[in-house]
Amino acid sequence: MSGSGWAIVAMAAGIPAVFLIVHAVLDLVFGRSAIQRRIASLRVFTDRSEAPRARWPLLRAGGRWIERRAALNRYAARSATMLDQMGSKVRPSEWLFFRAALGLVLALVSALLMPVWLGLPVGLLFGYLVPGLLLRSRIERRRQQFADDLPGVLHLMLSSLRSGFTLQQSVEAAVRDDDGPVADELGRALSETRINGEFEDALERAGERVGSQEMIWLVMAIRLQREVGGSLAEVMQTTADTMRERAYLRRHVRSLSAEGRISAYVLMALPVGSGIMLFATRPEYVRPLYTETAGFALLGVALLLMVVGSVWLRAATQIEV
């Protein structure tokens, strides 16, 4: 087949693959908007006489296929903790199937654009590893949102406590109309309490799951109030005020360090973007990098320097509050 024929085949296979990849990445990174979350909460009151159709039937079928293989199922279970921290309803087997399918698609596209011996491993590694990195990034964003929203939810709970509600009733009233990570975790804690166990233990597990030190402090304050006595509303008022000040300080530090973080993102994306542009426009310029020994050495040195630079930039721009 001539070069123009391979180019047509690559475009026919690459455009749908790129569209699906971009859609999956955007859905994974940004999720639903505030309006979409509000519409989803209103659907509780709609008629559900008809069973909803599966959104990703192929994904569920692939997950069931992996679950029937004991070795693959054990390997998929390693990501159960991260999916639990994300609050995702995707099973670990479905997540493994998604990563494998994405790696296979990218491997086929890369094999059409680059030499087969280089495109297959690059596409497989990129498609399999990048979703895990995006999942970790979204878990971190969810933790930040949890820390920012928790003081507001506590103030709503305080209003209910001062009205004569119990602690669990105030939690139910605070999270009934919310759809954020705080509502998800507190609702899960309430469900665990209804099945079996203490409410404080369920709250502590929620704090450990999202990595929230503020939630652990709240559990300590509730337990101390139960053992010593006193007004629970006053204890929670002091705790909520402290959390609000910490959240304000955290947002202030993030705004001050935004310029450094954006500079780090640009510096890390610049060599990758330049390489992709050169490969697409003038492939003869970059061909020696993957056809000659000196090119492989240069790629290895560049990759090592990018890893060192990313670690250094992360340490310079990450400030603990």
C-alpha atoms as a PDB file:
ATOM      1  CA  MET A   1       0.000   0.000   0.000  1.00  0.00           C
ATOM      2  CA  SER A   2       1.296   3.465  -0.862  1.00  0.00           C
ATOM      3  CA  GLY A   3       1.969   6.226   1.605  1.00  0.00           C
ATOM      4  CA  SER A   4      -1.245   8.064   0.724  1.00  0.00           C
ATOM      5  CA  GLY A   5      -3.238   4.872   1.287  1.00  0.00           C
ATOM      6  CA  TRP A   6      -1.725   4.403   4.748  1.00  0.00           C
ATOM      7  CA  ALA A   7      -2.490   8.048   5.524  1.00  0.00           C
ATOM      8  CA  ILE A   8      -6.166   7.574   4.599  1.00  0.00           C
ATOM      9  CA  VAL A   9      -6.386   4.410   6.730  1.00  0.00           C
ATOM     10  CA  ALA A  10      -4.731   6.181   9.655  1.00  0.00           C
ATOM     11  CA  MET A  11      -7.150   9.104   9.429  1.00  0.00           C
ATOM     12  CA  ALA A  12     -10.179   6.798   9.159  1.00  0.00           C
ATOM     13  CA  ALA A  13      -9.088   4.853  12.249  1.00  0.00           C
ATOM     14  CA  GLY A  14      -7.622   7.749  14.193  1.00  0.00           C
ATOM     15  CA  ILE A  15     -10.426  10.335  14.064  1.00  0.00           C
ATOM     16  CA  PRO A  16     -13.096   8.129  15.782  1.00  0.00           C
ATOM     17  CA  ALA A  17     -10.519   6.868  18.263  1.00  0.00           C
ATOM     18  CA  VAL A  18      -9.395  10.387  19.160  1.00  0.00           C
ATOM     19  CA  PHE A  19     -13.025  11.503  19.553  1.00  0.00           C
ATOM     20  CA  LEU A  20     -13.794   8.612  21.942  1.00  0.00           C
ATOM     21  CA  ILE A  21     -10.590   9.173  23.910  1.00  0.00           C
ATOM     22  CA  VAL A  22     -11.218  12.909  24.292  1.00  0.00           C
ATOM     23  CA  HIS A  23     -14.826  12.251  25.365  1.00  0.00           C
ATOM     24  CA  ALA A  24     -13.729   9.696  27.975  1.00  0.00           C
ATOM     25  CA  VAL A  25     -10.934  11.921  29.290  1.00  0.00           C
ATOM     26  CA  LEU A  26     -13.174  14.999  29.585  1.00  0.00           C
ATOM     27  CA  ASP A  27     -15.874  12.974  31.325  1.00  0.00           C
ATOM     28  CA  LEU A  28     -13.293  11.522  33.717  1.00  0.00           C
ATOM     29  CA  VAL A  29     -11.510  14.790  34.501  1.00  0.00           C
ATOM     30  CA  PHE A  30     -14.372  17.300  34.642  1.00  0.00           C
ATOM     31  CA  GLY A  31     -17.358  15.061  35.342  1.00  0.00           C
ATOM     32  CA  ARG A  32     -20.820  16.582  35.447  1.00  0.00           C
ATOM     33  CA  SER A  33     -21.512  20.288  35.721  1.00  0.00           C
ATOM     34  CA  ALA A  34     -23.481  21.858  38.574  1.00  0.00           C
ATOM     35  CA  ILE A  35     -26.621  22.035  36.397  1.00  0.00           C
ATOM     36  CA  GLN A  36     -26.261  18.359  35.438  1.00  0.00           C
ATOM     37  CA  ARG A  37     -25.881  17.379  39.103  1.00  0.00           C
ATOM     38  CA  ARG A  38     -29.017  19.354  39.989  1.00  0.00           C
ATOM     39  CA  ILE A  39     -30.974  17.676  37.166  1.00  0.00           C
ATOM     40  CA  ALA A  40     -29.758  14.278  38.394  1.00  0.00           C
ATOM     41  CA  SER A  41     -31.027  15.094  41.912  1.00  0.00           C
ATOM     42  CA  LEU A  42     -34.438  16.068  40.507  1.00  0.00           C
ATOM     43  CA  ARG A  43     -34.723  12.775  38.631  1.00  0.00           C
ATOM     44  CA  VAL A  44     -35.391  11.121  41.979  1.00  0.00           C
ATOM     45  CA  PHE A  45     -38.957  12.431  41.735  1.00  0.00           C
ATOM     46  CA  THR A  46     -39.550  11.285  38.140  1.00  0.00           C
ATOM     47  CA  ASP A  47     -41.347   8.149  36.971  1.00  0.00           C
ATOM     48  CA  ARG A  48     -39.028   5.156  36.865  1.00  0.00           C
ATOM     49  CA  SER A  49     -41.454   2.508  35.705  1.00  0.00           C
ATOM     50  CA  GLU A  50     -39.152   1.639  32.817  1.00  0.00           C
ATOM     51  CA  ALA A  51     -35.762   0.167  33.621  1.00  0.00           C
ATOM     52  CA  PRO A  52     -32.921   2.470  32.529  1.00  0.00           C
ATOM     53  CA  ARG A  53     -30.706   1.255  29.738  1.00  0.00           C
ATOM     54  CA  ALA A  54     -27.059   0.599  30.469  1.00  0.00           C
ATOM     55  CA  ARG A  55     -24.860   3.538  29.512  1.00  0.00           C
ATOM     56  CA  TRP A  56     -21.803   1.409  28.670  1.00  0.00           C
ATOM     57  CA  PRO A  57     -23.052  -2.131  27.869  1.00  0.00           C
ATOM     58  CA  LEU A  58     -19.721  -3.089  26.293  1.00  0.00           C
ATOM     59  CA  LEU A  59     -17.888  -1.971  29.428  1.00  0.00           C
ATOM     60  CA  ARG A  60     -20.129  -4.065  31.655  1.00  0.00           C
ATOM     61  CA  ALA A  61     -19.763  -7.081  29.394  1.00  0.00           C
ATOM     62  CA  GLY A  62     -15.981  -6.734  29.482  1.00  0.00           C
ATOM     63  CA  GLY A  63     -16.081  -6.426  33.263  1.00  0.00           C
ATOM     64  CA  ARG A  64     -18.073  -9.637  33.579  1.00  0.00           C
ATOM     65  CA  TRP A  65     -15.577 -11.383  31.282  1.00  0.00           C
ATOM     66  CA  ILE A  66     -12.683 -10.291  33.528  1.00  0.00           C
ATOM     67  CA  GLU A  67     -14.522 -11.368  36.682  1.00  0.00           C
ATOM     68  CA  ARG A  68     -14.735 -14.911  35.325  1.00  0.00           C
ATOM     69  CA  ARG A  69     -10.896 -15.026  35.170  1.00  0.00           C
ATOM     70  CA  ALA A  70      -9.525 -15.403  38.685  1.00  0.00           C
ATOM     71  CA  ALA A  71      -6.063 -13.975  37.943  1.00  0.00           C
ATOM     72  CA  LEU A  72      -7.413 -10.937  36.088  1.00  0.00           C
ATOM     73  CA  ASN A  73     -10.034 -10.374  38.768  1.00  0.00           C
ATOM     74  CA  ARG A  74      -7.375 -10.355  41.501  1.00  0.00           C
ATOM     75  CA  TYR A  75      -5.312  -7.882  39.495  1.00  0.00           C
ATOM     76  CA  ALA A  76      -8.341  -5.665  38.904  1.00  0.00           C
ATOM     77  CA  ALA A  77      -9.100  -5.648  42.638  1.00  0.00           C
ATOM     78  CA  ARG A  78      -5.948  -3.570  43.212  1.00  0.00           C
ATOM     79  CA  SER A  79      -7.762  -0.486  41.912  1.00  0.00           C
ATOM     80  CA  ALA A  80     -10.800  -0.997  44.175  1.00  0.00           C
ATOM     81  CA  THR A  81      -9.415   1.379  46.820  1.00  0.00           C
ATOM     82  CA  MET A  82      -8.873   4.216  44.342  1.00  0.00           C
ATOM     83  CA  LEU A  83     -12.323   3.759  42.813  1.00  0.00           C
ATOM     84  CA  ASP A  84     -13.797   3.769  46.319  1.00  0.00           C
ATOM     85  CA  GLN A  85     -11.969   7.012  47.114  1.00  0.00           C
ATOM     86  CA  MET A  86     -13.384   8.495  43.929  1.00  0.00           C
ATOM     87  CA  GLY A  87     -16.905   7.415  44.882  1.00  0.00           C
ATOM     88  CA  SER A  88     -17.293   5.827  41.472  1.00  0.00           C
ATOM     89  CA  LYS A  89     -19.879   3.178  40.673  1.00  0.00           C
ATOM     90  CA  VAL A  90     -17.562   1.521  38.151  1.00  0.00           C
ATOM     91  CA  ARG A  91     -16.407  -1.912  39.264  1.00  0.00           C
ATOM     92  CA  PRO A  92     -12.666  -2.693  39.312  1.00  0.00           C
ATOM     93  CA  SER A  93     -13.100  -5.261  36.535  1.00  0.00           C
ATOM     94  CA  GLU A  94     -14.821  -2.673  34.324  1.00  0.00           C
ATOM     95  CA  TRP A  95     -12.051  -0.172  35.030  1.00  0.00           C
ATOM     96  CA  LEU A  96      -9.387  -2.711  34.014  1.00  0.00           C
ATOM     97  CA  PHE A  97     -11.280  -3.524  30.822  1.00  0.00           C
ATOM     98  CA  PHE A  98     -11.550   0.191  29.976  1.00  0.00           C
ATOM     99  CA  ARG A  99      -7.801   0.723  30.433  1.00  0.00           C
ATOM    100  CA  ALA A 100      -6.947  -2.359  28.368  1.00  0.00           C
ATOM    101  CA  ALA A 101      -9.340  -1.383  25.566  1.00  0.00           C
ATOM    102  CA  LEU A 102      -8.003   2.175  25.503  1.00  0.00           C
ATOM    103  CA  GLY A 103      -4.438   0.880  25.337  1.00  0.00           C
ATOM    104  CA  LEU A 104      -5.335  -1.433  22.463  1.00  0.00           C
ATOM    105  CA  VAL A 105      -7.004   1.365  20.471  1.00  0.00           C
ATOM    106  CA  LEU A 106      -4.063   3.707  20.979  1.00  0.00           C
ATOM    107  CA  ALA A 107      -1.637   0.922  20.070  1.00  0.00           C
ATOM    108  CA  LEU A 108      -3.403   0.350  16.742  1.00  0.00           C
ATOM    109  CA  VAL A 109      -3.449   4.083  15.961  1.00  0.00           C
ATOM    110  CA  SER A 110       0.216   4.461  16.948  1.00  0.00           C
ATOM    111  CA  ALA A 111       1.167   1.462  14.815  1.00  0.00           C
ATOM    112  CA  LEU A 112      -0.356   3.191  11.786  1.00  0.00           C
ATOM    113  CA  LEU A 113       1.444   6.466  12.454  1.00  0.00           C
ATOM    114  CA  MET A 114       4.814   5.101  13.628  1.00  0.00           C
ATOM    115  CA  PRO A 115       6.851   1.944  13.091  1.00  0.00           C
ATOM    116  CA  VAL A 116       4.991  -1.065  14.420  1.00  0.00           C
ATOM    117  CA  TRP A 117       7.760  -2.088  16.826  1.00  0.00           C
ATOM    118  CA  LEU A 118       7.591   1.381  18.429  1.00  0.00           C
ATOM    119  CA  GLY A 119       3.934   2.309  18.029  1.00  0.00           C
ATOM    120  CA  LEU A 120       2.487  -0.827  19.673  1.00  0.00           C
ATOM    121  CA  PRO A 121       4.329  -0.562  23.024  1.00  0.00           C
ATOM    122  CA  VAL A 122       4.014   3.237  23.166  1.00  0.00           C
ATOM    123  CA  GLY A 123       0.268   3.111  22.513  1.00  0.00           C
ATOM    124  CA  LEU A 124      -0.293   0.282  24.996  1.00  0.00           C
ATOM    125  CA  LEU A 125       1.667   1.987  27.772  1.00  0.00           C
ATOM    126  CA  PHE A 126       0.127   5.397  27.141  1.00  0.00           C
ATOM    127  CA  GLY A 127      -3.443   4.082  26.963  1.00  0.00           C
ATOM    128  CA  TYR A 128      -3.047   1.903  30.060  1.00  0.00           C
ATOM    129  CA  LEU A 129      -1.168   4.325  32.339  1.00  0.00           C
ATOM    130  CA  VAL A 130      -2.791   7.686  31.548  1.00  0.00           C
ATOM    131  CA  PRO A 131      -6.298   6.757  32.893  1.00  0.00           C
ATOM    132  CA  GLY A 132      -4.698   5.847  36.226  1.00  0.00           C
ATOM    133  CA  LEU A 133      -2.965   9.228  36.395  1.00  0.00           C
ATOM    134  CA  LEU A 134      -6.219  11.003  35.547  1.00  0.00           C
ATOM    135  CA  LEU A 135      -8.044   9.010  38.222  1.00  0.00           C
ATOM    136  CA  ARG A 136      -5.483  10.062  40.840  1.00  0.00           C
ATOM    137  CA  SER A 137      -5.832  13.665  39.716  1.00  0.00           C
ATOM    138  CA  ARG A 138      -9.607  13.557  40.061  1.00  0.00           C
ATOM    139  CA  ILE A 139      -9.352  11.919  43.482  1.00  0.00           C
ATOM    140  CA  GLU A 140      -7.170  14.829  44.604  1.00  0.00           C
ATOM    141  CA  ARG A 141      -9.682  17.324  43.223  1.00  0.00           C
ATOM    142  CA  ARG A 142     -12.503  15.514  45.031  1.00  0.00           C
ATOM    143  CA  ARG A 143     -10.563  15.714  48.288  1.00  0.00           C
ATOM    144  CA  GLN A 144     -10.054  19.442  47.839  1.00  0.00           C
ATOM    145  CA  GLN A 145     -13.744  19.945  47.100  1.00  0.00           C
ATOM    146  CA  PHE A 146     -14.627  17.880  50.174  1.00  0.00           C
ATOM    147  CA  ALA A 147     -12.412  20.066  52.375  1.00  0.00           C
ATOM    148  CA  ASP A 148     -13.910  23.254  50.897  1.00  0.00           C
ATOM    149  CA  ASP A 149     -17.559  22.132  51.230  1.00  0.00           C
ATOM    150  CA  LEU A 150     -17.350  20.537  54.689  1.00  0.00           C
ATOM    151  CA  PRO A 151     -17.562  23.806  56.741  1.00  0.00           C
ATOM    152  CA  GLY A 152     -20.746  24.875  54.954  1.00  0.00           C
ATOM    153  CA  VAL A 153     -22.376  21.486  55.587  1.00  0.00           C
ATOM    154  CA  LEU A 154     -21.392  21.684  59.261  1.00  0.00           C
ATOM    155  CA  HIS A 155     -23.105  25.072  59.599  1.00  0.00           C
ATOM    156  CA  LEU A 156     -26.276  23.550  58.136  1.00  0.00           C
ATOM    157  CA  MET A 157     -25.995  20.735  60.680  1.00  0.00           C
ATOM    158  CA  LEU A 158     -25.597  23.318  63.458  1.00  0.00           C
ATOM    159  CA  SER A 159     -28.883  24.966  62.479  1.00  0.00           C
ATOM    160  CA  SER A 160     -30.649  21.616  62.758  1.00  0.00           C
ATOM    161  CA  LEU A 161     -28.985  20.792  66.084  1.00  0.00           C
ATOM    162  CA  ARG A 162     -30.086  24.101  67.587  1.00  0.00           C
ATOM    163  CA  SER A 163     -33.633  23.338  66.398  1.00  0.00           C
ATOM    164  CA  GLY A 164     -33.744  20.158  68.468  1.00  0.00           C
ATOM    165  CA  PHE A 165     -32.671  17.544  65.900  1.00  0.00           C
ATOM    166  CA  THR A 166     -30.351  14.698  66.808  1.00  0.00           C
ATOM    167  CA  LEU A 167     -26.930  14.400  65.205  1.00  0.00           C
ATOM    168  CA  GLN A 168     -27.995  11.838  62.610  1.00  0.00           C
ATOM    169  CA  GLN A 169     -31.187  13.757  61.821  1.00  0.00           C
ATOM    170  CA  SER A 170     -29.167  16.943  61.304  1.00  0.00           C
ATOM    171  CA  VAL A 171     -26.811  15.102  58.963  1.00  0.00           C
ATOM    172  CA  GLU A 172     -29.751  13.777  56.955  1.00  0.00           C
ATOM    173  CA  ALA A 173     -31.259  17.264  56.710  1.00  0.00           C
ATOM    174  CA  ALA A 174     -27.926  18.799  55.643  1.00  0.00           C
ATOM    175  CA  VAL A 175     -27.140  16.350  52.844  1.00  0.00           C
ATOM    176  CA  ARG A 176     -30.666  15.633  51.577  1.00  0.00           C
ATOM    177  CA  ASP A 177     -30.556  18.155  48.715  1.00  0.00           C
ATOM    178  CA  ASP A 178     -26.796  18.166  48.095  1.00  0.00           C
ATOM    179  CA  ASP A 179     -24.919  16.209  45.450  1.00  0.00           C
ATOM    180  CA  GLY A 180     -21.270  16.905  46.294  1.00  0.00           C
ATOM    181  CA  PRO A 181     -18.601  14.664  47.810  1.00  0.00           C
ATOM    182  CA  VAL A 182     -19.574  15.656  51.378  1.00  0.00           C
ATOM    183  CA  ALA A 183     -23.154  14.530  50.793  1.00  0.00           C
ATOM    184  CA  ASP A 184     -21.974  11.284  49.204  1.00  0.00           C
ATOM    185  CA  GLU A 185     -19.665  10.377  52.088  1.00  0.00           C
ATOM    186  CA  LEU A 186     -22.077  11.415  54.851  1.00  0.00           C
ATOM    187  CA  GLY A 187     -24.901   9.559  53.126  1.00  0.00           C
ATOM    188  CA  ARG A 188     -22.718   6.479  52.951  1.00  0.00           C
ATOM    189  CA  ALA A 189     -21.906   6.856  56.661  1.00  0.00           C
ATOM    190  CA  LEU A 190     -25.629   7.011  57.454  1.00  0.00           C
ATOM    191  CA  SER A 191     -26.244   3.869  55.406  1.00  0.00           C
ATOM    192  CA  GLU A 192     -23.477   2.011  57.232  1.00  0.00           C
ATOM    193  CA  THR A 193     -24.964   3.103  60.571  1.00  0.00           C
ATOM    194  CA  ARG A 194     -28.408   1.819  59.629  1.00  0.00           C
ATOM    195  CA  ILE A 195     -26.965  -1.584  58.778  1.00  0.00           C
ATOM    196  CA  ASN A 196     -24.714  -1.978  61.811  1.00  0.00           C
ATOM    197  CA  GLY A 197     -22.181   0.076  63.720  1.00  0.00           C
ATOM    198  CA  GLU A 198     -21.593   3.410  65.409  1.00  0.00           C
ATOM    199  CA  PHE A 199     -22.098   6.674  63.556  1.00  0.00           C
ATOM    200  CA  GLU A 200     -18.737   8.028  64.739  1.00  0.00           C
ATOM    201  CA  ASP A 201     -16.930   4.982  63.356  1.00  0.00           C
ATOM    202  CA  ALA A 202     -18.654   5.454  59.995  1.00  0.00           C
ATOM    203  CA  LEU A 203     -17.644   9.132  59.944  1.00  0.00           C
ATOM    204  CA  GLU A 204     -14.064   8.187  60.765  1.00  0.00           C
ATOM    205  CA  ARG A 205     -13.972   5.707  57.883  1.00  0.00           C
ATOM    206  CA  ALA A 206     -15.319   8.426  55.586  1.00  0.00           C
ATOM    207  CA  GLY A 207     -12.542  10.772  56.717  1.00  0.00           C
ATOM    208  CA  GLU A 208      -9.898   8.127  56.090  1.00  0.00           C
ATOM    209  CA  ARG A 209     -11.403   7.343  52.695  1.00  0.00           C
ATOM    210  CA  VAL A 210     -11.160  10.927  51.440  1.00  0.00           C
ATOM    211  CA  GLY A 211      -8.015  11.765  53.399  1.00  0.00           C
ATOM    212  CA  SER A 212      -9.729  14.555  55.350  1.00  0.00           C
ATOM    213  CA  GLN A 213      -8.000  15.535  58.569  1.00  0.00           C
ATOM    214  CA  GLU A 214     -10.918  17.880  59.322  1.00  0.00           C
ATOM    215  CA  MET A 215     -13.366  14.976  59.373  1.00  0.00           C
ATOM    216  CA  ILE A 216     -11.139  13.067  61.794  1.00  0.00           C
ATOM    217  CA  TRP A 217     -11.057  16.154  64.053  1.00  0.00           C
ATOM    218  CA  LEU A 218     -14.832  16.327  63.903  1.00  0.00           C
ATOM    219  CA  VAL A 219     -15.121  12.696  65.014  1.00  0.00           C
ATOM    220  CA  MET A 220     -12.720  13.349  67.885  1.00  0.00           C
ATOM    221  CA  ALA A 221     -14.792  16.371  68.985  1.00  0.00           C
ATOM    222  CA  ILE A 222     -18.036  14.357  68.883  1.00  0.00           C
ATOM    223  CA  ARG A 223     -16.514  11.515  70.903  1.00  0.00           C
ATOM    224  CA  LEU A 224     -15.077  13.900  73.495  1.00  0.00           C
ATOM    225  CA  GLN A 225     -18.434  15.634  73.844  1.00  0.00           C
ATOM    226  CA  ARG A 226     -20.158  12.276  74.325  1.00  0.00           C
ATOM    227  CA  GLU A 227     -17.702  11.220  77.039  1.00  0.00           C
ATOM    228  CA  VAL A 228     -17.339  14.566  78.853  1.00  0.00           C
ATOM    229  CA  GLY A 229     -20.722  16.175  78.191  1.00  0.00           C
ATOM    230  CA  GLY A 230     -21.677  19.694  77.263  1.00  0.00           C
ATOM    231  CA  SER A 231     -23.322  21.323  74.283  1.00  0.00           C
ATOM    232  CA  LEU A 232     -22.666  19.487  71.019  1.00  0.00           C
ATOM    233  CA  ALA A 233     -23.724  22.567  69.052  1.00  0.00           C
ATOM    234  CA  GLU A 234     -21.034  24.721  70.680  1.00  0.00           C
ATOM    235  CA  VAL A 235     -18.363  22.071  70.079  1.00  0.00           C
ATOM    236  CA  MET A 236     -19.326  21.765  66.438  1.00  0.00           C
ATOM    237  CA  GLN A 237     -19.501  25.563  66.110  1.00  0.00           C
ATOM    238  CA  THR A 238     -15.871  25.864  67.201  1.00  0.00           C
ATOM    239  CA  THR A 239     -14.848  23.010  64.905  1.00  0.00           C
ATOM    240  CA  ALA A 240     -16.719  24.496  61.932  1.00  0.00           C
ATOM    241  CA  ASP A 241     -15.144  27.924  62.456  1.00  0.00           C
ATOM    242  CA  THR A 242     -11.665  26.357  62.537  1.00  0.00           C
ATOM    243  CA  MET A 243     -12.399  24.411  59.360  1.00  0.00           C
ATOM    244  CA  ARG A 244     -13.694  27.532  57.628  1.00  0.00           C
ATOM    245  CA  GLU A 245     -10.487  29.417  58.428  1.00  0.00           C
ATOM    246  CA  ARG A 246      -8.385  26.516  57.177  1.00  0.00           C
ATOM    247  CA  ALA A 247     -10.421  26.318  53.972  1.00  0.00           C
ATOM    248  CA  TYR A 248      -9.958  30.062  53.415  1.00  0.00           C
ATOM    249  CA  LEU A 249      -6.216  29.774  53.983  1.00  0.00           C
ATOM    250  CA  ARG A 250      -6.034  26.763  51.641  1.00  0.00           C
ATOM    251  CA  ARG A 251      -7.828  28.613  48.836  1.00  0.00           C
ATOM    252  CA  HIS A 252      -5.618  31.668  49.383  1.00  0.00           C
ATOM    253  CA  VAL A 253      -2.458  29.565  49.093  1.00  0.00           C
ATOM    254  CA  ARG A 254      -3.777  27.864  45.943  1.00  0.00           C
ATOM    255  CA  SER A 255      -4.462  31.230  44.330  1.00  0.00           C
ATOM    256  CA  LEU A 256      -0.983  32.509  45.208  1.00  0.00           C
ATOM    257  CA  SER A 257       0.701  29.379  43.822  1.00  0.00           C
ATOM    258  CA  ALA A 258      -1.472  29.194  40.679  1.00  0.00           C
ATOM    259  CA  GLU A 259       1.107  30.969  38.515  1.00  0.00           C
ATOM    260  CA  GLY A 260       3.828  28.496  39.466  1.00  0.00           C
ATOM    261  CA  ARG A 261       1.583  25.492  38.860  1.00  0.00           C
ATOM    262  CA  ILE A 262       0.470  26.740  35.446  1.00  0.00           C
ATOM    263  CA  SER A 263       4.098  27.413  34.516  1.00  0.00           C
ATOM    264  CA  ALA A 264       4.946  23.854  35.529  1.00  0.00           C
ATOM    265  CA  TYR A 265       2.139  22.456  33.345  1.00  0.00           C
ATOM    266  CA  VAL A 266       3.260  24.532  30.360  1.00  0.00           C
ATOM    267  CA  LEU A 267       6.918  23.562  30.752  1.00  0.00           C
ATOM    268  CA  MET A 268       6.038  19.858  30.951  1.00  0.00           C
ATOM    269  CA  ALA A 269       3.645  19.986  27.986  1.00  0.00           C
ATOM    270  CA  LEU A 270       5.873  22.095  25.747  1.00  0.00           C
ATOM    271  CA  PRO A 271       8.397  19.405  24.673  1.00  0.00           C
ATOM    272  CA  VAL A 272       5.645  16.821  24.190  1.00  0.00           C
ATOM    273  CA  GLY A 273       3.512  19.191  22.129  1.00  0.00           C
ATOM    274  CA  SER A 274       6.492  20.325  20.060  1.00  0.00           C
ATOM    275  CA  GLY A 275       7.442  16.724  19.343  1.00  0.00           C
ATOM    276  CA  ILE A 276       3.910  15.834  18.249  1.00  0.00           C
ATOM    277  CA  MET A 277       3.713  18.893  16.002  1.00  0.00           C
ATOM    278  CA  LEU A 278       7.060  18.123  14.370  1.00  0.00           C
ATOM    279  CA  PHE A 279       6.071  14.487  13.887  1.00  0.00           C
ATOM    280  CA  ALA A 280       2.827  15.545  12.198  1.00  0.00           C
ATOM    281  CA  THR A 281       4.307  18.274   9.971  1.00  0.00           C
ATOM    282  CA  ARG A 282       7.951  17.312   9.323  1.00  0.00           C
ATOM    283  CA  PRO A 283       8.438  13.660  10.300  1.00  0.00           C
ATOM    284  CA  GLU A 284      11.877  13.514   8.695  1.00  0.00           C
ATOM    285  CA  TYR A 285      13.176  15.849  11.422  1.00  0.00           C
ATOM    286  CA  VAL A 286      12.266  13.498  14.284  1.00  0.00           C
ATOM    287  CA  ARG A 287      12.779  10.178  12.479  1.00  0.00           C
ATOM    288  CA  PRO A 288      16.410   9.839  13.678  1.00  0.00           C
ATOM    289  CA  LEU A 289      15.172   9.861  17.283  1.00  0.00           C
ATOM    290  CA  TYR A 290      13.590   6.415  16.893  1.00  0.00           C
ATOM    291  CA  THR A 291      15.737   4.956  14.109  1.00  0.00           C
ATOM    292  CA  GLU A 292      19.283   5.575  15.355  1.00  0.00           C
ATOM    293  CA  THR A 293      21.150   4.672  18.540  1.00  0.00           C
ATOM    294  CA  ALA A 294      22.011   8.289  19.325  1.00  0.00           C
ATOM    295  CA  GLY A 295      18.327   9.190  19.013  1.00  0.00           C
ATOM    296  CA  PHE A 296      17.343   6.563  21.581  1.00  0.00           C
ATOM    297  CA  ALA A 297      19.998   7.913  23.936  1.00  0.00           C
ATOM    298  CA  LEU A 298      18.688  11.456  23.518  1.00  0.00           C
ATOM    299  CA  LEU A 299      15.121  10.309  24.165  1.00  0.00           C
ATOM    300  CA  GLY A 300      16.229   8.517  27.325  1.00  0.00           C
ATOM    301  CA  VAL A 301      18.095  11.571  28.613  1.00  0.00           C
ATOM    302  CA  ALA A 302      15.123  13.828  27.773  1.00  0.00           C
ATOM    303  CA  LEU A 303      12.711  11.519  29.584  1.00  0.00           C
ATOM    304  CA  LEU A 304      14.966  11.408  32.644  1.00  0.00           C
ATOM    305  CA  LEU A 305      15.282  15.204  32.720  1.00  0.00           C
ATOM    306  CA  MET A 306      11.502  15.610  32.379  1.00  0.00           C
ATOM    307  CA  VAL A 307      10.910  13.264  35.316  1.00  0.00           C
ATOM    308  CA  VAL A 308      13.446  15.140  37.469  1.00  0.00           C
ATOM    309  CA  GLY A 309      11.980  18.486  36.413  1.00  0.00           C
ATOM    310  CA  SER A 310       8.401  17.396  37.157  1.00  0.00           C
ATOM    311  CA  VAL A 311       9.378  16.196  40.644  1.00  0.00           C
ATOM    312  CA  TRP A 312      11.242  19.437  41.353  1.00  0.00           C
ATOM    313  CA  LEU A 313       8.395  21.636  40.070  1.00  0.00           C
ATOM    314  CA  ARG A 314       5.851  19.689  42.110  1.00  0.00           C
ATOM    315  CA  ALA A 315       7.936  20.108  45.263  1.00  0.00           C
ATOM    316  CA  ALA A 316       8.354  23.843  44.549  1.00  0.00           C
ATOM    317  CA  THR A 317       4.656  24.549  43.916  1.00  0.00           C
ATOM    318  CA  GLN A 318       2.983  22.232  46.453  1.00  0.00           C
ATOM    319  CA  ILE A 319       2.426  23.938  49.809  1.00  0.00           C
ATOM    320  CA  GLU A 320       0.883  22.023  52.688  1.00  0.00           C
ATOM    321  CA  VAL A 321      -1.696  23.902  54.775  1.00  0.00           C
END
